[in-house]
Amino acid sequence: MPPSHLPPDRHRLNIERATRTSSVVDAKAAPLRSARFWCINGIVIAVLLSIWAVVSLLAPFFARDVTFNFLGWPFSFWMTAYGAPLTFLVIVAVYAAVMNRVDASDAAGDERP
């Protein structure tokens, strides 16, 4: 029988599948990607927590110095009643957007066979 008409060697295909890595092409690069992810995550958390601390602690501390009225109420009331919760929502949205971008860039570098 000519070589082009031989049936495929099923054992050889199974061996080739077993030698491939299942999810990561370069297994040595996986810890580096993980370290990069957690480094970026730590930096983002530190920056956003510092913004949270400033909004939560410093803004109310200096709120009494703001003496003008805004829509009939003192501006310090508006700053603490609406400014802080809106800032917290913005912090959550920024964290989600940044981490989605980091996840997408990490997934783009992860070539699956």
PDB file of N, CA and C in Angstrom:
ATOM      1  N   MET A   1       0.842  -1.168   0.000  1.00  0.00           N
ATOM      2  CA  MET A   1       0.000   0.000   0.000  1.00  0.00           C
ATOM      3  C   MET A   1       0.898   1.246   0.000  1.00  0.00           C
ATOM      4  N   PRO A   2       0.606   2.234  -0.844  1.00  0.00           N
ATOM      5  CA  PRO A   2       1.436   3.441  -0.846  1.00  0.00           C
ATOM      6  C   PRO A   2       1.307   4.192   0.482  1.00  0.00           C
ATOM      7  N   PRO A   3       2.320   4.955   0.850  1.00  0.00           N
ATOM      8  CA  PRO A   3       2.296   5.651   2.154  1.00  0.00           C
ATOM      9  C   PRO A   3       1.126   6.618   2.306  1.00  0.00           C
ATOM     10  N   SER A   4       0.606   7.175   1.233  1.00  0.00           N
ATOM     11  CA  SER A   4      -0.495   8.121   1.363  1.00  0.00           C
ATOM     12  C   SER A   4      -1.806   7.436   1.717  1.00  0.00           C
ATOM     13  N   HIS A   5      -1.882   6.119   1.511  1.00  0.00           N
ATOM     14  CA  HIS A   5      -3.115   5.397   1.809  1.00  0.00           C
ATOM     15  C   HIS A   5      -3.056   4.635   3.126  1.00  0.00           C
ATOM     16  N   LEU A   6      -2.006   4.825   3.893  1.00  0.00           N
ATOM     17  CA  LEU A   6      -1.906   4.137   5.185  1.00  0.00           C
ATOM     18  C   LEU A   6      -2.870   4.774   6.184  1.00  0.00           C
ATOM     19  N   PRO A   7      -3.458   3.980   7.040  1.00  0.00           N
ATOM     20  CA  PRO A   7      -4.334   4.563   8.071  1.00  0.00           C
ATOM     21  C   PRO A   7      -3.494   5.374   9.054  1.00  0.00           C
ATOM     22  N   PRO A   8      -4.069   6.368   9.670  1.00  0.00           N
ATOM     23  CA  PRO A   8      -3.299   7.183  10.611  1.00  0.00           C
ATOM     24  C   PRO A   8      -2.893   6.358  11.834  1.00  0.00           C
ATOM     25  N   ASP A   9      -1.732   6.653  12.331  1.00  0.00           N
ATOM     26  CA  ASP A   9      -1.228   5.973  13.521  1.00  0.00           C
ATOM     27  C   ASP A   9      -1.867   6.635  14.749  1.00  0.00           C
ATOM     28  N   ARG A  10      -2.847   5.974  15.314  1.00  0.00           N
ATOM     29  CA  ARG A  10      -3.601   6.562  16.421  1.00  0.00           C
ATOM     30  C   ARG A  10      -2.754   6.711  17.676  1.00  0.00           C
ATOM     31  N   HIS A  11      -1.819   5.811  17.896  1.00  0.00           N
ATOM     32  CA  HIS A  11      -0.984   5.916  19.089  1.00  0.00           C
ATOM     33  C   HIS A  11      -0.072   7.140  19.021  1.00  0.00           C
ATOM     34  N   ARG A  12       0.456   7.422  17.844  1.00  0.00           N
ATOM     35  CA  ARG A  12       1.334   8.569  17.707  1.00  0.00           C
ATOM     36  C   ARG A  12       0.569   9.873  17.956  1.00  0.00           C
ATOM     37  N   LEU A  13      -0.688   9.973  17.522  1.00  0.00           N
ATOM     38  CA  LEU A  13      -1.481  11.171  17.771  1.00  0.00           C
ATOM     39  C   LEU A  13      -1.745  11.364  19.257  1.00  0.00           C
ATOM     40  N   ASN A  14      -2.005  10.300  19.970  1.00  0.00           N
ATOM     41  CA  ASN A  14      -2.234  10.394  21.409  1.00  0.00           C
ATOM     42  C   ASN A  14      -0.971  10.839  22.136  1.00  0.00           C
ATOM     43  N   ILE A  15       0.189  10.373  21.689  1.00  0.00           N
ATOM     44  CA  ILE A  15       1.442  10.783  22.317  1.00  0.00           C
ATOM     45  C   ILE A  15       1.682  12.271  22.067  1.00  0.00           C
ATOM     46  N   GLU A  16       1.404  12.745  20.853  1.00  0.00           N
ATOM     47  CA  GLU A  16       1.580  14.163  20.558  1.00  0.00           C
ATOM     48  C   GLU A  16       0.649  15.019  21.413  1.00  0.00           C
ATOM     49  N   ARG A  17      -0.580  14.585  21.621  1.00  0.00           N
ATOM     50  CA  ARG A  17      -1.510  15.326  22.477  1.00  0.00           C
ATOM     51  C   ARG A  17      -1.043  15.344  23.920  1.00  0.00           C
ATOM     52  N   ALA A  18      -0.484  14.249  24.386  1.00  0.00           N
ATOM     53  CA  ALA A  18      -0.051  14.165  25.779  1.00  0.00           C
ATOM     54  C   ALA A  18       1.160  15.049  26.044  1.00  0.00           C
ATOM     55  N   THR A  19       2.001  15.285  25.055  1.00  0.00           N
ATOM     56  CA  THR A  19       3.188  16.100  25.282  1.00  0.00           C
ATOM     57  C   THR A  19       2.902  17.591  25.220  1.00  0.00           C
ATOM     58  N   ARG A  20       1.777  18.006  24.658  1.00  0.00           N
ATOM     59  CA  ARG A  20       1.419  19.418  24.620  1.00  0.00           C
ATOM     60  C   ARG A  20       0.996  19.888  26.002  1.00  0.00           C
ATOM     61  N   THR A  21       1.255  21.166  26.293  1.00  0.00           N
ATOM     62  CA  THR A  21       0.703  21.733  27.520  1.00  0.00           C
ATOM     63  C   THR A  21      -0.755  22.069  27.260  1.00  0.00           C
ATOM     64  N   SER A  22      -1.572  21.912  28.258  1.00  0.00           N
ATOM     65  CA  SER A  22      -3.006  22.043  28.039  1.00  0.00           C
ATOM     66  C   SER A  22      -3.464  23.478  27.904  1.00  0.00           C
ATOM     67  N   SER A  23      -2.900  24.406  28.670  1.00  0.00           N
ATOM     68  CA  SER A  23      -3.433  25.754  28.622  1.00  0.00           C
ATOM     69  C   SER A  23      -2.394  26.819  28.331  1.00  0.00           C
ATOM     70  N   VAL A  24      -1.144  26.542  28.569  1.00  0.00           N
ATOM     71  CA  VAL A  24      -0.117  27.549  28.385  1.00  0.00           C
ATOM     72  C   VAL A  24       0.977  26.955  27.526  1.00  0.00           C
ATOM     73  N   VAL A  25       1.374  27.689  26.503  1.00  0.00           N
ATOM     74  CA  VAL A  25       2.402  27.178  25.609  1.00  0.00           C
ATOM     75  C   VAL A  25       3.739  27.111  26.324  1.00  0.00           C
ATOM     76  N   ASP A  26       4.123  28.147  27.008  1.00  0.00           N
ATOM     77  CA  ASP A  26       5.384  28.185  27.731  1.00  0.00           C
ATOM     78  C   ASP A  26       5.077  28.108  29.223  1.00  0.00           C
ATOM     79  N   ALA A  27       5.287  26.954  29.818  1.00  0.00           N
ATOM     80  CA  ALA A  27       4.937  26.754  31.225  1.00  0.00           C
ATOM     81  C   ALA A  27       5.817  27.583  32.148  1.00  0.00           C
ATOM     82  N   LYS A  28       7.028  27.963  31.712  1.00  0.00           N
ATOM     83  CA  LYS A  28       7.909  28.768  32.556  1.00  0.00           C
ATOM     84  C   LYS A  28       7.453  30.223  32.618  1.00  0.00           C
ATOM     85  N   ALA A  29       6.687  30.686  31.637  1.00  0.00           N
ATOM     86  CA  ALA A  29       6.230  32.070  31.619  1.00  0.00           C
ATOM     87  C   ALA A  29       4.991  32.287  32.487  1.00  0.00           C
ATOM     88  N   ALA A  30       4.314  31.215  32.871  1.00  0.00           N
ATOM     89  CA  ALA A  30       3.084  31.361  33.664  1.00  0.00           C
ATOM     90  C   ALA A  30       3.336  32.032  35.006  1.00  0.00           C
ATOM     91  N   PRO A  31       4.381  31.658  35.783  1.00  0.00           N
ATOM     92  CA  PRO A  31       4.608  32.377  37.045  1.00  0.00           C
ATOM     93  C   PRO A  31       4.950  33.852  36.839  1.00  0.00           C
ATOM     94  N   LEU A  32       5.610  34.178  35.739  1.00  0.00           N
ATOM     95  CA  LEU A  32       5.931  35.577  35.469  1.00  0.00           C
ATOM     96  C   LEU A  32       4.674  36.380  35.174  1.00  0.00           C
ATOM     97  N   ARG A  33       3.736  35.787  34.412  1.00  0.00           N
ATOM     98  CA  ARG A  33       2.472  36.469  34.146  1.00  0.00           C
ATOM     99  C   ARG A  33       1.666  36.637  35.424  1.00  0.00           C
ATOM    100  N   SER A  34       1.700  35.633  36.277  1.00  0.00           N
ATOM    101  CA  SER A  34       0.976  35.722  37.542  1.00  0.00           C
ATOM    102  C   SER A  34       1.584  36.808  38.430  1.00  0.00           C
ATOM    103  N   ALA A  35       2.907  36.875  38.480  1.00  0.00           N
ATOM    104  CA  ALA A  35       3.565  37.902  39.285  1.00  0.00           C
ATOM    105  C   ALA A  35       3.267  39.297  38.736  1.00  0.00           C
ATOM    106  N   ARG A  36       3.252  39.436  37.416  1.00  0.00           N
ATOM    107  CA  ARG A  36       2.928  40.721  36.790  1.00  0.00           C
ATOM    108  C   ARG A  36       1.502  41.126  37.123  1.00  0.00           C
ATOM    109  N   PHE A  37       0.569  40.178  37.049  1.00  0.00           N
ATOM    110  CA  PHE A  37      -0.834  40.463  37.355  1.00  0.00           C
ATOM    111  C   PHE A  37      -0.978  40.958  38.792  1.00  0.00           C
ATOM    112  N   TRP A  38      -0.371  40.277  39.747  1.00  0.00           N
ATOM    113  CA  TRP A  38      -0.522  40.660  41.150  1.00  0.00           C
ATOM    114  C   TRP A  38       0.229  41.945  41.476  1.00  0.00           C
ATOM    115  N   CYS A  39       1.298  42.227  40.758  1.00  0.00           N
ATOM    116  CA  CYS A  39       2.001  43.499  40.943  1.00  0.00           C
ATOM    117  C   CYS A  39       1.104  44.657  40.492  1.00  0.00           C
ATOM    118  N   ILE A  40       0.521  44.534  39.322  1.00  0.00           N
ATOM    119  CA  ILE A  40      -0.385  45.575  38.828  1.00  0.00           C
ATOM    120  C   ILE A  40      -1.599  45.697  39.739  1.00  0.00           C
ATOM    121  N   ASN A  41      -2.129  44.557  40.177  1.00  0.00           N
ATOM    122  CA  ASN A  41      -3.296  44.560  41.064  1.00  0.00           C
ATOM    123  C   ASN A  41      -2.967  45.281  42.369  1.00  0.00           C
ATOM    124  N   GLY A  42      -1.804  45.014  42.933  1.00  0.00           N
ATOM    125  CA  GLY A  42      -1.399  45.667  44.185  1.00  0.00           C
ATOM    126  C   GLY A  42      -1.240  47.167  44.029  1.00  0.00           C
ATOM    127  N   ILE A  43      -0.664  47.600  42.914  1.00  0.00           N
ATOM    128  CA  ILE A  43      -0.488  49.037  42.669  1.00  0.00           C
ATOM    129  C   ILE A  43      -1.840  49.723  42.524  1.00  0.00           C
ATOM    130  N   VAL A  44      -2.739  49.109  41.760  1.00  0.00           N
ATOM    131  CA  VAL A  44      -4.074  49.698  41.558  1.00  0.00           C
ATOM    132  C   VAL A  44      -4.820  49.780  42.891  1.00  0.00           C
ATOM    133  N   ILE A  45      -4.754  48.727  43.681  1.00  0.00           N
ATOM    134  CA  ILE A  45      -5.431  48.740  44.984  1.00  0.00           C
ATOM    135  C   ILE A  45      -4.850  49.815  45.893  1.00  0.00           C
ATOM    136  N   ALA A  46      -3.522  49.957  45.923  1.00  0.00           N
ATOM    137  CA  ALA A  46      -2.892  50.966  46.780  1.00  0.00           C
ATOM    138  C   ALA A  46      -3.307  52.381  46.374  1.00  0.00           C
ATOM    139  N   VAL A  47      -3.330  52.660  45.085  1.00  0.00           N
ATOM    140  CA  VAL A  47      -3.718  53.998  44.619  1.00  0.00           C
ATOM    141  C   VAL A  47      -5.183  54.273  44.946  1.00  0.00           C
ATOM    142  N   LEU A  48      -6.059  53.303  44.671  1.00  0.00           N
ATOM    143  CA  LEU A  48      -7.487  53.531  44.918  1.00  0.00           C
ATOM    144  C   LEU A  48      -7.800  53.602  46.412  1.00  0.00           C
ATOM    145  N   LEU A  49      -7.091  52.840  47.230  1.00  0.00           N
ATOM    146  CA  LEU A  49      -7.298  52.945  48.683  1.00  0.00           C
ATOM    147  C   LEU A  49      -6.814  54.286  49.224  1.00  0.00           C
ATOM    148  N   SER A  50      -5.747  54.829  48.647  1.00  0.00           N
ATOM    149  CA  SER A  50      -5.299  56.144  49.094  1.00  0.00           C
ATOM    150  C   SER A  50      -6.318  57.216  48.714  1.00  0.00           C
ATOM    151  N   ILE A  51      -6.922  57.108  47.539  1.00  0.00           N
ATOM    152  CA  ILE A  51      -7.993  58.043  47.160  1.00  0.00           C
ATOM    153  C   ILE A  51      -9.168  57.891  48.108  1.00  0.00           C
ATOM    154  N   TRP A  52      -9.517  56.646  48.450  1.00  0.00           N
ATOM    155  CA  TRP A  52     -10.611  56.396  49.393  1.00  0.00           C
ATOM    156  C   TRP A  52     -10.314  57.033  50.750  1.00  0.00           C
ATOM    157  N   ALA A  53      -9.059  56.921  51.221  1.00  0.00           N
ATOM    158  CA  ALA A  53      -8.694  57.495  52.521  1.00  0.00           C
ATOM    159  C   ALA A  53      -8.793  59.012  52.500  1.00  0.00           C
ATOM    160  N   VAL A  54      -8.351  59.617  51.413  1.00  0.00           N
ATOM    161  CA  VAL A  54      -8.435  61.079  51.312  1.00  0.00           C
ATOM    162  C   VAL A  54      -9.887  61.531  51.327  1.00  0.00           C
ATOM    163  N   VAL A  55     -10.728  60.852  50.563  1.00  0.00           N
ATOM    164  CA  VAL A  55     -12.138  61.242  50.501  1.00  0.00           C
ATOM    165  C   VAL A  55     -12.835  60.990  51.838  1.00  0.00           C
ATOM    166  N   SER A  56     -12.489  59.893  52.489  1.00  0.00           N
ATOM    167  CA  SER A  56     -13.173  59.539  53.737  1.00  0.00           C
ATOM    168  C   SER A  56     -12.687  60.317  54.945  1.00  0.00           C
ATOM    169  N   LEU A  57     -11.401  60.621  54.994  1.00  0.00           N
ATOM    170  CA  LEU A  57     -10.832  61.214  56.201  1.00  0.00           C
ATOM    171  C   LEU A  57     -10.529  62.707  56.066  1.00  0.00           C
ATOM    172  N   LEU A  58      -9.884  63.100  54.995  1.00  0.00           N
ATOM    173  CA  LEU A  58      -9.463  64.493  54.885  1.00  0.00           C
ATOM    174  C   LEU A  58     -10.593  65.423  54.462  1.00  0.00           C
ATOM    175  N   ALA A  59     -11.417  64.990  53.532  1.00  0.00           N
ATOM    176  CA  ALA A  59     -12.494  65.872  53.078  1.00  0.00           C
ATOM    177  C   ALA A  59     -13.462  66.248  54.202  1.00  0.00           C
ATOM    178  N   PRO A  60     -13.955  65.327  55.014  1.00  0.00           N
ATOM    179  CA  PRO A  60     -14.826  65.734  56.126  1.00  0.00           C
ATOM    180  C   PRO A  60     -14.104  66.573  57.188  1.00  0.00           C
ATOM    181  N   PHE A  61     -12.797  66.348  57.344  1.00  0.00           N
ATOM    182  CA  PHE A  61     -12.038  67.109  58.335  1.00  0.00           C
ATOM    183  C   PHE A  61     -11.994  68.595  57.964  1.00  0.00           C
ATOM    184  N   PHE A  62     -11.850  68.883  56.686  1.00  0.00           N
ATOM    185  CA  PHE A  62     -11.785  70.265  56.239  1.00  0.00           C
ATOM    186  C   PHE A  62     -13.128  70.796  55.750  1.00  0.00           C
ATOM    187  N   ALA A  63     -14.199  70.055  55.920  1.00  0.00           N
ATOM    188  CA  ALA A  63     -15.509  70.462  55.409  1.00  0.00           C
ATOM    189  C   ALA A  63     -16.058  71.686  56.128  1.00  0.00           C
ATOM    190  N   ARG A  64     -15.711  71.898  57.381  1.00  0.00           N
ATOM    191  CA  ARG A  64     -16.238  73.056  58.112  1.00  0.00           C
ATOM    192  C   ARG A  64     -15.681  74.374  57.578  1.00  0.00           C
ATOM    193  N   ASP A  65     -14.536  74.303  56.930  1.00  0.00           N
ATOM    194  CA  ASP A  65     -13.955  75.520  56.365  1.00  0.00           C
ATOM    195  C   ASP A  65     -14.709  75.992  55.126  1.00  0.00           C
ATOM    196  N   VAL A  66     -15.492  75.114  54.513  1.00  0.00           N
ATOM    197  CA  VAL A  66     -16.273  75.476  53.333  1.00  0.00           C
ATOM    198  C   VAL A  66     -17.605  76.027  53.839  1.00  0.00           C
ATOM    199  N   THR A  67     -17.822  77.331  53.651  1.00  0.00           N
ATOM    200  CA  THR A  67     -18.963  77.969  54.313  1.00  0.00           C
ATOM    201  C   THR A  67     -20.073  78.424  53.372  1.00  0.00           C
ATOM    202  N   PHE A  68     -19.979  78.218  52.068  1.00  0.00           N
ATOM    203  CA  PHE A  68     -21.036  78.723  51.194  1.00  0.00           C
ATOM    204  C   PHE A  68     -22.171  77.705  51.071  1.00  0.00           C
ATOM    205  N   ASN A  69     -23.351  78.202  50.690  1.00  0.00           N
ATOM    206  CA  ASN A  69     -24.534  77.357  50.549  1.00  0.00           C
ATOM    207  C   ASN A  69     -24.671  76.890  49.105  1.00  0.00           C
ATOM    208  N   PHE A  70     -25.199  75.683  48.965  1.00  0.00           N
ATOM    209  CA  PHE A  70     -25.429  75.095  47.654  1.00  0.00           C
ATOM    210  C   PHE A  70     -26.837  74.525  47.667  1.00  0.00           C
ATOM    211  N   LEU A  71     -27.740  75.113  46.899  1.00  0.00           N
ATOM    212  CA  LEU A  71     -29.149  74.732  46.848  1.00  0.00           C
ATOM    213  C   LEU A  71     -29.811  74.781  48.226  1.00  0.00           C
ATOM    214  N   GLY A  72     -29.442  75.793  48.994  1.00  0.00           N
ATOM    215  CA  GLY A  72     -30.071  76.004  50.288  1.00  0.00           C
ATOM    216  C   GLY A  72     -29.455  75.237  51.443  1.00  0.00           C
ATOM    217  N   TRP A  73     -28.484  74.432  51.188  1.00  0.00           N
ATOM    218  CA  TRP A  73     -27.809  73.658  52.234  1.00  0.00           C
ATOM    219  C   TRP A  73     -26.323  74.005  52.225  1.00  0.00           C
ATOM    220  N   PRO A  74     -25.656  73.826  53.349  1.00  0.00           N
ATOM    221  CA  PRO A  74     -24.206  74.069  53.358  1.00  0.00           C
ATOM    222  C   PRO A  74     -23.496  73.092  52.410  1.00  0.00           C
ATOM    223  N   PHE A  75     -22.477  73.597  51.721  1.00  0.00           N
ATOM    224  CA  PHE A  75     -21.767  72.759  50.749  1.00  0.00           C
ATOM    225  C   PHE A  75     -21.102  71.567  51.419  1.00  0.00           C
ATOM    226  N   SER A  76     -20.705  71.713  52.683  1.00  0.00           N
ATOM    227  CA  SER A  76     -20.088  70.579  53.388  1.00  0.00           C
ATOM    228  C   SER A  76     -21.056  69.410  53.502  1.00  0.00           C
ATOM    229  N   PHE A  77     -22.358  69.710  53.648  1.00  0.00           N
ATOM    230  CA  PHE A  77     -23.365  68.648  53.670  1.00  0.00           C
ATOM    231  C   PHE A  77     -23.395  67.918  52.333  1.00  0.00           C
ATOM    232  N   TRP A  78     -23.425  68.672  51.230  1.00  0.00           N
ATOM    233  CA  TRP A  78     -23.460  68.055  49.903  1.00  0.00           C
ATOM    234  C   TRP A  78     -22.197  67.246  49.632  1.00  0.00           C
ATOM    235  N   MET A  79     -21.083  67.767  50.095  1.00  0.00           N
ATOM    236  CA  MET A  79     -19.816  67.084  49.861  1.00  0.00           C
ATOM    237  C   MET A  79     -19.792  65.723  50.561  1.00  0.00           C
ATOM    238  N   THR A  80     -20.270  65.665  51.789  1.00  0.00           N
ATOM    239  CA  THR A  80     -20.245  64.391  52.515  1.00  0.00           C
ATOM    240  C   THR A  80     -21.427  63.495  52.146  1.00  0.00           C
ATOM    241  N   ALA A  81     -22.577  64.085  51.850  1.00  0.00           N
ATOM    242  CA  ALA A  81     -23.752  63.269  51.558  1.00  0.00           C
ATOM    243  C   ALA A  81     -23.739  62.689  50.151  1.00  0.00           C
ATOM    244  N   TYR A  82     -23.205  63.424  49.181  1.00  0.00           N
ATOM    245  CA  TYR A  82     -23.235  62.959  47.795  1.00  0.00           C
ATOM    246  C   TYR A  82     -21.846  62.741  47.196  1.00  0.00           C
ATOM    247  N   GLY A  83     -20.904  63.531  47.606  1.00  0.00           N
ATOM    248  CA  GLY A  83     -19.571  63.432  47.016  1.00  0.00           C
ATOM    249  C   GLY A  83     -18.846  62.145  47.365  1.00  0.00           C
ATOM    250  N   ALA A  84     -18.882  61.759  48.628  1.00  0.00           N
ATOM    251  CA  ALA A  84     -18.171  60.551  49.047  1.00  0.00           C
ATOM    252  C   ALA A  84     -18.762  59.280  48.425  1.00  0.00           C
ATOM    253  N   PRO A  85     -20.083  59.069  48.484  1.00  0.00           N
ATOM    254  CA  PRO A  85     -20.618  57.856  47.839  1.00  0.00           C
ATOM    255  C   PRO A  85     -20.386  57.815  46.330  1.00  0.00           C
ATOM    256  N   LEU A  86     -20.479  58.954  45.663  1.00  0.00           N
ATOM    257  CA  LEU A  86     -20.205  58.979  44.222  1.00  0.00           C
ATOM    258  C   LEU A  86     -18.736  58.670  43.945  1.00  0.00           C
ATOM    259  N   THR A  87     -17.862  59.163  44.797  1.00  0.00           N
ATOM    260  CA  THR A  87     -16.439  58.857  44.637  1.00  0.00           C
ATOM    261  C   THR A  87     -16.189  57.370  44.814  1.00  0.00           C
ATOM    262  N   PHE A  88     -16.841  56.753  45.761  1.00  0.00           N
ATOM    263  CA  PHE A  88     -16.671  55.310  45.973  1.00  0.00           C
ATOM    264  C   PHE A  88     -17.162  54.521  44.755  1.00  0.00           C
ATOM    265  N   LEU A  89     -18.269  54.943  44.153  1.00  0.00           N
ATOM    266  CA  LEU A  89     -18.746  54.275  42.941  1.00  0.00           C
ATOM    267  C   LEU A  89     -17.756  54.434  41.789  1.00  0.00           C
ATOM    268  N   VAL A  90     -17.157  55.609  41.688  1.00  0.00           N
ATOM    269  CA  VAL A  90     -16.149  55.833  40.647  1.00  0.00           C
ATOM    270  C   VAL A  90     -14.926  54.952  40.896  1.00  0.00           C
ATOM    271  N   ILE A  91     -14.529  54.798  42.157  1.00  0.00           N
ATOM    272  CA  ILE A  91     -13.386  53.939  42.494  1.00  0.00           C
ATOM    273  C   ILE A  91     -13.664  52.494  42.070  1.00  0.00           C
ATOM    274  N   VAL A  92     -14.854  52.003  42.338  1.00  0.00           N
ATOM    275  CA  VAL A  92     -15.212  50.635  41.949  1.00  0.00           C
ATOM    276  C   VAL A  92     -15.203  50.484  40.430  1.00  0.00           C
ATOM    277  N   ALA A  93     -15.748  51.462  39.721  1.00  0.00           N
ATOM    278  CA  ALA A  93     -15.774  51.403  38.259  1.00  0.00           C
ATOM    279  C   ALA A  93     -14.363  51.455  37.670  1.00  0.00           C
ATOM    280  N   VAL A  94     -13.499  52.294  38.231  1.00  0.00           N
ATOM    281  CA  VAL A  94     -12.115  52.383  37.748  1.00  0.00           C
ATOM    282  C   VAL A  94     -11.389  51.067  37.987  1.00  0.00           C
ATOM    283  N   TYR A  95     -11.570  50.476  39.161  1.00  0.00           N
ATOM    284  CA  TYR A  95     -10.912  49.200  39.452  1.00  0.00           C
ATOM    285  C   TYR A  95     -11.376  48.116  38.484  1.00  0.00           C
ATOM    286  N   ALA A  96     -12.670  48.052  38.230  1.00  0.00           N
ATOM    287  CA  ALA A  96     -13.192  47.039  37.307  1.00  0.00           C
ATOM    288  C   ALA A  96     -12.650  47.249  35.895  1.00  0.00           C
ATOM    289  N   ALA A  97     -12.597  48.490  35.435  1.00  0.00           N
ATOM    290  CA  ALA A  97     -12.106  48.770  34.088  1.00  0.00           C
ATOM    291  C   ALA A  97     -10.625  48.429  33.949  1.00  0.00           C
ATOM    292  N   VAL A  98      -9.827  48.815  34.941  1.00  0.00           N
ATOM    293  CA  VAL A  98      -8.388  48.538  34.875  1.00  0.00           C
ATOM    294  C   VAL A  98      -8.126  47.040  34.916  1.00  0.00           C
ATOM    295  N   MET A  99      -8.797  46.321  35.787  1.00  0.00           N
ATOM    296  CA  MET A  99      -8.541  44.889  35.890  1.00  0.00           C
ATOM    297  C   MET A  99      -9.083  44.131  34.682  1.00  0.00           C
ATOM    298  N   ASN A 100     -10.159  44.600  34.069  1.00  0.00           N
ATOM    299  CA  ASN A 100     -10.619  43.988  32.815  1.00  0.00           C
ATOM    300  C   ASN A 100      -9.587  44.162  31.715  1.00  0.00           C
ATOM    301  N   ARG A 101      -8.963  45.333  31.666  1.00  0.00           N
ATOM    302  CA  ARG A 101      -7.926  45.581  30.662  1.00  0.00           C
ATOM    303  C   ARG A 101      -6.704  44.701  30.924  1.00  0.00           C
ATOM    304  N   VAL A 102      -6.318  44.543  32.191  1.00  0.00           N
ATOM    305  CA  VAL A 102      -5.172  43.684  32.521  1.00  0.00           C
ATOM    306  C   VAL A 102      -5.493  42.235  32.178  1.00  0.00           C
ATOM    307  N   ASP A 103      -6.696  41.779  32.495  1.00  0.00           N
ATOM    308  CA  ASP A 103      -7.094  40.410  32.154  1.00  0.00           C
ATOM    309  C   ASP A 103      -7.093  40.196  30.642  1.00  0.00           C
ATOM    310  N   ALA A 104      -7.567  41.174  29.894  1.00  0.00           N
ATOM    311  CA  ALA A 104      -7.608  41.043  28.439  1.00  0.00           C
ATOM    312  C   ALA A 104      -6.202  40.996  27.853  1.00  0.00           C
ATOM    313  N   SER A 105      -5.298  41.804  28.383  1.00  0.00           N
ATOM    314  CA  SER A 105      -3.930  41.781  27.861  1.00  0.00           C
ATOM    315  C   SER A 105      -3.231  40.489  28.244  1.00  0.00           C
ATOM    316  N   ASP A 106      -3.549  39.934  29.399  1.00  0.00           N
ATOM    317  CA  ASP A 106      -2.951  38.665  29.811  1.00  0.00           C
ATOM    318  C   ASP A 106      -3.502  37.521  28.972  1.00  0.00           C
ATOM    319  N   ALA A 107      -4.785  37.561  28.664  1.00  0.00           N
ATOM    320  CA  ALA A 107      -5.385  36.509  27.837  1.00  0.00           C
ATOM    321  C   ALA A 107      -4.880  36.568  26.394  1.00  0.00           C
ATOM    322  N   ALA A 108      -4.549  37.774  25.922  1.00  0.00           N
ATOM    323  CA  ALA A 108      -4.030  37.904  24.561  1.00  0.00           C
ATOM    324  C   ALA A 108      -2.646  37.273  24.447  1.00  0.00           C
ATOM    325  N   GLY A 109      -1.867  37.304  25.526  1.00  0.00           N
ATOM    326  CA  GLY A 109      -0.549  36.692  25.503  1.00  0.00           C
ATOM    327  C   GLY A 109      -0.580  35.200  25.755  1.00  0.00           C
ATOM    328  N   ASP A 110      -1.715  34.674  26.154  1.00  0.00           N
ATOM    329  CA  ASP A 110      -1.849  33.250  26.456  1.00  0.00           C
ATOM    330  C   ASP A 110      -2.352  32.529  25.219  1.00  0.00           C
ATOM    331  N   GLU A 111      -1.426  31.972  24.451  1.00  0.00           N
ATOM    332  CA  GLU A 111      -1.807  31.288  23.222  1.00  0.00           C
ATOM    333  C   GLU A 111      -2.120  29.823  23.544  1.00  0.00           C
ATOM    334  N   ARG A 112      -3.299  29.440  23.226  1.00  0.00           N
ATOM    335  CA  ARG A 112      -3.708  28.049  23.483  1.00  0.00           C
ATOM    336  C   ARG A 112      -3.537  27.256  22.214  1.00  0.00           C
ATOM    337  N   PRO A 113      -3.078  26.011  22.351  1.00  0.00           N
ATOM    338  CA  PRO A 113      -2.876  25.185  21.152  1.00  0.00           C
ATOM    339  C   PRO A 113      -4.166  24.754  20.513  1.00  0.00           C
TER     340      PRO A 113
END
